[in-house]
Amino acid sequence: MNDIFLAAAIFIPVMTGLGLVRLLIGPGIVDRIMVVQLLGTGGAAVLLLLATVSGNEAIVDVALMLALLAAFAAATFYVWVTRSTSQGEDSQ
């Protein structure tokens, strides 16, 4: 069973890495916000899998904090984008 968890812990960062490609070539702001969320949830998933395999409960706390920070980062990014967009429209 630990082999399955370790395989998933390798597979998830690979898929998250493909999301980074979308971040670089993403045509819109929404794509970039979604990649921020993907990085946070992918990282939290890997940490939770590693916590299950190792039996270390402290890693669970780190994973939950990472997921929380990803949500705040996405919200902050959204607010920053909407403010910079609205300021650009006001000046025209």
C-alpha atoms as a PDB file:
ATOM      1  CA  MET A   1       0.000   0.000   0.000  1.00  0.00           C
ATOM      2  CA  ASN A   2       2.886   2.374   0.709  1.00  0.00           C
ATOM      3  CA  ASP A   3       4.117   1.817  -2.853  1.00  0.00           C
ATOM      4  CA  ILE A   4       0.836   3.177  -4.202  1.00  0.00           C
ATOM      5  CA  PHE A   5       1.100   6.250  -1.982  1.00  0.00           C
ATOM      6  CA  LEU A   6       4.687   6.846  -3.049  1.00  0.00           C
ATOM      7  CA  ALA A   7       3.765   6.432  -6.720  1.00  0.00           C
ATOM      8  CA  ALA A   8       0.987   8.989  -6.276  1.00  0.00           C
ATOM      9  CA  ALA A   9       3.435  11.289  -4.469  1.00  0.00           C
ATOM     10  CA  ILE A  10       5.596  11.179  -7.598  1.00  0.00           C
ATOM     11  CA  PHE A  11       2.713  11.453 -10.084  1.00  0.00           C
ATOM     12  CA  ILE A  12       1.099  14.536  -8.515  1.00  0.00           C
ATOM     13  CA  PRO A  13       4.179  16.821  -8.798  1.00  0.00           C
ATOM     14  CA  VAL A  14       4.627  15.760 -12.414  1.00  0.00           C
ATOM     15  CA  MET A  15       1.063  16.817 -13.192  1.00  0.00           C
ATOM     16  CA  THR A  16       1.519  19.999 -11.168  1.00  0.00           C
ATOM     17  CA  GLY A  17       4.655  20.725 -13.181  1.00  0.00           C
ATOM     18  CA  LEU A  18       2.579  20.568 -16.329  1.00  0.00           C
ATOM     19  CA  GLY A  19       0.400  23.227 -14.737  1.00  0.00           C
ATOM     20  CA  LEU A  20       3.462  25.458 -14.538  1.00  0.00           C
ATOM     21  CA  VAL A  21       3.646  25.325 -18.314  1.00  0.00           C
ATOM     22  CA  ARG A  22       0.115  26.705 -18.375  1.00  0.00           C
ATOM     23  CA  LEU A  23       1.223  29.464 -16.033  1.00  0.00           C
ATOM     24  CA  LEU A  24       3.919  30.532 -18.449  1.00  0.00           C
ATOM     25  CA  ILE A  25       1.816  30.388 -21.613  1.00  0.00           C
ATOM     26  CA  GLY A  26      -1.598  31.045 -20.081  1.00  0.00           C
ATOM     27  CA  PRO A  27      -3.544  33.497 -22.185  1.00  0.00           C
ATOM     28  CA  GLY A  28      -5.546  34.931 -19.336  1.00  0.00           C
ATOM     29  CA  ILE A  29      -5.499  35.954 -15.730  1.00  0.00           C
ATOM     30  CA  VAL A  30      -7.973  33.241 -14.762  1.00  0.00           C
ATOM     31  CA  ASP A  31      -5.542  30.580 -15.985  1.00  0.00           C
ATOM     32  CA  ARG A  32      -2.837  31.981 -13.766  1.00  0.00           C
ATOM     33  CA  ILE A  33      -5.092  32.134 -10.709  1.00  0.00           C
ATOM     34  CA  MET A  34      -6.056  28.509 -11.270  1.00  0.00           C
ATOM     35  CA  VAL A  35      -2.392  27.492 -11.477  1.00  0.00           C
ATOM     36  CA  VAL A  36      -1.767  29.125  -8.096  1.00  0.00           C
ATOM     37  CA  GLN A  37      -4.569  26.994  -6.694  1.00  0.00           C
ATOM     38  CA  LEU A  38      -3.196  23.908  -8.460  1.00  0.00           C
ATOM     39  CA  LEU A  39       0.250  24.411  -6.963  1.00  0.00           C
ATOM     40  CA  GLY A  40      -1.177  24.757  -3.475  1.00  0.00           C
ATOM     41  CA  THR A  41      -3.482  21.768  -3.646  1.00  0.00           C
ATOM     42  CA  GLY A  42      -0.907  19.618  -5.440  1.00  0.00           C
ATOM     43  CA  GLY A  43       1.694  20.422  -2.822  1.00  0.00           C
ATOM     44  CA  ALA A  44      -0.765  19.725  -0.027  1.00  0.00           C
ATOM     45  CA  ALA A  45      -1.722  16.408  -1.617  1.00  0.00           C
ATOM     46  CA  VAL A  46       1.905  15.309  -1.846  1.00  0.00           C
ATOM     47  CA  LEU A  47       2.529  16.298   1.756  1.00  0.00           C
ATOM     48  CA  LEU A  48      -0.554  14.404   2.923  1.00  0.00           C
ATOM     49  CA  LEU A  49       0.556  11.304   1.042  1.00  0.00           C
ATOM     50  CA  LEU A  50       4.029  11.535   2.534  1.00  0.00           C
ATOM     51  CA  ALA A  51       2.540  12.022   6.002  1.00  0.00           C
ATOM     52  CA  THR A  52       0.498   8.863   5.524  1.00  0.00           C
ATOM     53  CA  VAL A  53       3.506   6.853   4.388  1.00  0.00           C
ATOM     54  CA  SER A  54       5.864   8.127   7.083  1.00  0.00           C
ATOM     55  CA  GLY A  55       3.341   8.306   9.911  1.00  0.00           C
ATOM     56  CA  ASN A  56       4.536  11.805  10.811  1.00  0.00           C
ATOM     57  CA  GLU A  57       1.531  13.854  11.897  1.00  0.00           C
ATOM     58  CA  ALA A  58       3.407  17.166  11.794  1.00  0.00           C
ATOM     59  CA  ILE A  59       3.471  16.982   7.988  1.00  0.00           C
ATOM     60  CA  VAL A  60      -0.338  17.090   7.997  1.00  0.00           C
ATOM     61  CA  ASP A  61      -0.215  20.489   9.696  1.00  0.00           C
ATOM     62  CA  VAL A  62       2.216  21.748   7.078  1.00  0.00           C
ATOM     63  CA  ALA A  63      -0.035  20.464   4.283  1.00  0.00           C
ATOM     64  CA  LEU A  64      -3.084  22.190   5.718  1.00  0.00           C
ATOM     65  CA  MET A  65      -1.140  25.429   6.091  1.00  0.00           C
ATOM     66  CA  LEU A  66       0.022  25.197   2.482  1.00  0.00           C
ATOM     67  CA  ALA A  67      -3.548  24.715   1.278  1.00  0.00           C
ATOM     68  CA  LEU A  68      -4.658  27.721   3.325  1.00  0.00           C
ATOM     69  CA  LEU A  69      -1.834  29.880   1.983  1.00  0.00           C
ATOM     70  CA  ALA A  70      -2.688  28.865  -1.577  1.00  0.00           C
ATOM     71  CA  ALA A  71      -6.262  30.039  -1.077  1.00  0.00           C
ATOM     72  CA  PHE A  72      -5.054  33.369   0.316  1.00  0.00           C
ATOM     73  CA  ALA A  73      -2.553  33.738  -2.512  1.00  0.00           C
ATOM     74  CA  ALA A  74      -5.240  33.160  -5.129  1.00  0.00           C
ATOM     75  CA  ALA A  75      -7.565  35.657  -3.445  1.00  0.00           C
ATOM     76  CA  THR A  76      -4.792  38.244  -3.166  1.00  0.00           C
ATOM     77  CA  PHE A  77      -3.803  37.735  -6.779  1.00  0.00           C
ATOM     78  CA  TYR A  78      -7.417  38.206  -7.848  1.00  0.00           C
ATOM     79  CA  VAL A  79      -7.770  41.432  -5.846  1.00  0.00           C
ATOM     80  CA  TRP A  80      -4.483  42.751  -7.235  1.00  0.00           C
ATOM     81  CA  VAL A  81      -5.530  41.992 -10.814  1.00  0.00           C
ATOM     82  CA  THR A  82      -8.973  43.558 -10.461  1.00  0.00           C
ATOM     83  CA  ARG A  83      -7.525  46.699  -8.863  1.00  0.00           C
ATOM     84  CA  SER A  84      -4.844  47.111 -11.504  1.00  0.00           C
ATOM     85  CA  THR A  85      -7.402  46.528 -14.264  1.00  0.00           C
ATOM     86  CA  SER A  86      -9.883  49.031 -12.830  1.00  0.00           C
ATOM     87  CA  GLN A  87      -7.141  51.650 -12.334  1.00  0.00           C
ATOM     88  CA  GLY A  88      -6.103  51.207 -15.939  1.00  0.00           C
ATOM     89  CA  GLU A  89      -9.669  51.839 -17.125  1.00  0.00           C
ATOM     90  CA  ASP A  90     -10.068  54.944 -14.958  1.00  0.00           C
ATOM     91  CA  SER A  91      -6.995  56.605 -16.410  1.00  0.00           C
ATOM     92  CA  GLN A  92      -8.168  56.265 -20.020  1.00  0.00           C
END
